[in-house]
Amino acid sequence: MTSDVNEFFNDAPVGEIYSERATAIDVQPFMGPNFFVINTVVSDAITRWDVDGMDPAESWEQALTAYDELGL
């Protein structure tokens, strides 16, 4: 992978460049104490709309109600 070059970038060694840049990352995404419960509320809303066919506005209102019930 590190030997990959890319014609679009004038045959630059993109595999080597991207590998070096990836190892330089020292930031971790922040996930607060309520991340998973909030993520579940939003994911459930998307599932109700996308999979179950619920009206998007109705699903979002249900999500807002669920969020309010969390008391955050």
C-alpha atoms as a PDB file:
ATOM      1  CA  MET A   1       0.000   0.000   0.000  1.00  0.00           C
ATOM      2  CA  THR A   2       2.767   2.445   0.816  1.00  0.00           C
ATOM      3  CA  SER A   3       4.199   2.035  -2.689  1.00  0.00           C
ATOM      4  CA  ASP A   4       0.993   3.312  -4.351  1.00  0.00           C
ATOM      5  CA  VAL A   5       1.342   6.301  -6.646  1.00  0.00           C
ATOM      6  CA  ASN A   6      -1.431   8.312  -8.241  1.00  0.00           C
ATOM      7  CA  GLU A   7      -1.318   9.573 -11.815  1.00  0.00           C
ATOM      8  CA  PHE A   8      -3.766  12.399 -11.028  1.00  0.00           C
ATOM      9  CA  PHE A   9      -1.266  13.778  -8.498  1.00  0.00           C
ATOM     10  CA  ASN A  10       1.680  13.597 -10.921  1.00  0.00           C
ATOM     11  CA  ASP A  11       2.595  10.094  -9.746  1.00  0.00           C
ATOM     12  CA  ALA A  12       3.031  11.301  -6.166  1.00  0.00           C
ATOM     13  CA  PRO A  13       3.629   8.511  -3.636  1.00  0.00           C
ATOM     14  CA  VAL A  14       0.155   8.858  -2.117  1.00  0.00           C
ATOM     15  CA  GLY A  15       0.379   5.571  -0.215  1.00  0.00           C
ATOM     16  CA  GLU A  16       3.458   6.769   1.613  1.00  0.00           C
ATOM     17  CA  ILE A  17       2.063  10.287   2.156  1.00  0.00           C
ATOM     18  CA  TYR A  18      -1.301   9.067   3.493  1.00  0.00           C
ATOM     19  CA  SER A  19       0.380   6.508   5.742  1.00  0.00           C
ATOM     20  CA  GLU A  20       2.647   9.138   7.257  1.00  0.00           C
ATOM     21  CA  ARG A  21      -0.282  11.537   7.762  1.00  0.00           C
ATOM     22  CA  ALA A  22      -2.384   8.831   9.403  1.00  0.00           C
ATOM     23  CA  THR A  23       0.306   8.126  11.985  1.00  0.00           C
ATOM     24  CA  ALA A  24       0.522  11.856  12.789  1.00  0.00           C
ATOM     25  CA  ILE A  25      -3.103  12.040  13.987  1.00  0.00           C
ATOM     26  CA  ASP A  26      -3.279  12.425  17.739  1.00  0.00           C
ATOM     27  CA  VAL A  27      -6.854  13.663  18.172  1.00  0.00           C
ATOM     28  CA  GLN A  28      -9.553  11.322  19.434  1.00  0.00           C
ATOM     29  CA  PRO A  29     -13.221  12.039  18.737  1.00  0.00           C
ATOM     30  CA  PHE A  30     -15.098  13.215  21.805  1.00  0.00           C
ATOM     31  CA  MET A  31     -17.836  10.961  23.088  1.00  0.00           C
ATOM     32  CA  GLY A  32     -19.416  12.408  26.177  1.00  0.00           C
ATOM     33  CA  PRO A  33     -21.172  10.393  28.863  1.00  0.00           C
ATOM     34  CA  ASN A  34     -24.505  10.599  27.022  1.00  0.00           C
ATOM     35  CA  PHE A  35     -23.180   9.837  23.539  1.00  0.00           C
ATOM     36  CA  PHE A  36     -24.685   6.370  23.181  1.00  0.00           C
ATOM     37  CA  VAL A  37     -28.142   7.189  24.498  1.00  0.00           C
ATOM     38  CA  ILE A  38     -28.394  10.277  22.246  1.00  0.00           C
ATOM     39  CA  ASN A  39     -27.037   8.274  19.305  1.00  0.00           C
ATOM     40  CA  THR A  40     -29.734   5.659  19.909  1.00  0.00           C
ATOM     41  CA  VAL A  41     -32.509   8.278  19.919  1.00  0.00           C
ATOM     42  CA  VAL A  42     -31.316   9.674  16.578  1.00  0.00           C
ATOM     43  CA  SER A  43     -30.666   6.245  15.039  1.00  0.00           C
ATOM     44  CA  ASP A  44     -34.123   5.084  16.042  1.00  0.00           C
ATOM     45  CA  ALA A  45     -35.638   8.156  14.376  1.00  0.00           C
ATOM     46  CA  ILE A  46     -33.766   7.439  11.151  1.00  0.00           C
ATOM     47  CA  THR A  47     -34.794   3.772  11.245  1.00  0.00           C
ATOM     48  CA  ARG A  48     -38.463   4.662  11.777  1.00  0.00           C
ATOM     49  CA  TRP A  49     -38.323   6.843   8.672  1.00  0.00           C
ATOM     50  CA  ASP A  50     -35.998   4.827   6.424  1.00  0.00           C
ATOM     51  CA  VAL A  51     -36.973   1.255   7.281  1.00  0.00           C
ATOM     52  CA  ASP A  52     -40.461   1.516   8.738  1.00  0.00           C
ATOM     53  CA  GLY A  53     -41.696   4.254   6.383  1.00  0.00           C
ATOM     54  CA  MET A  54     -42.831   6.672   9.087  1.00  0.00           C
ATOM     55  CA  ASP A  55     -43.347  10.305   8.140  1.00  0.00           C
ATOM     56  CA  PRO A  56     -39.984  12.056   8.757  1.00  0.00           C
ATOM     57  CA  ALA A  57     -41.528  14.955  10.694  1.00  0.00           C
ATOM     58  CA  GLU A  58     -43.455  12.560  12.924  1.00  0.00           C
ATOM     59  CA  SER A  59     -40.356  10.453  13.530  1.00  0.00           C
ATOM     60  CA  TRP A  60     -38.326  13.540  14.414  1.00  0.00           C
ATOM     61  CA  GLU A  61     -41.007  14.753  16.831  1.00  0.00           C
ATOM     62  CA  GLN A  62     -40.918  11.333  18.480  1.00  0.00           C
ATOM     63  CA  ALA A  63     -37.135  11.632  18.746  1.00  0.00           C
ATOM     64  CA  LEU A  64     -37.413  15.060  20.374  1.00  0.00           C
ATOM     65  CA  THR A  65     -39.902  13.669  22.876  1.00  0.00           C
ATOM     66  CA  ALA A  66     -37.573  10.762  23.655  1.00  0.00           C
ATOM     67  CA  TYR A  67     -34.687  13.206  24.090  1.00  0.00           C
ATOM     68  CA  ASP A  68     -36.725  15.371  26.467  1.00  0.00           C
ATOM     69  CA  GLU A  69     -37.579  12.270  28.485  1.00  0.00           C
ATOM     70  CA  LEU A  70     -33.872  11.640  29.019  1.00  0.00           C
ATOM     71  CA  GLY A  71     -33.731  14.802  31.134  1.00  0.00           C
ATOM     72  CA  LEU A  72     -30.384  15.922  29.772  1.00  0.00           C
END
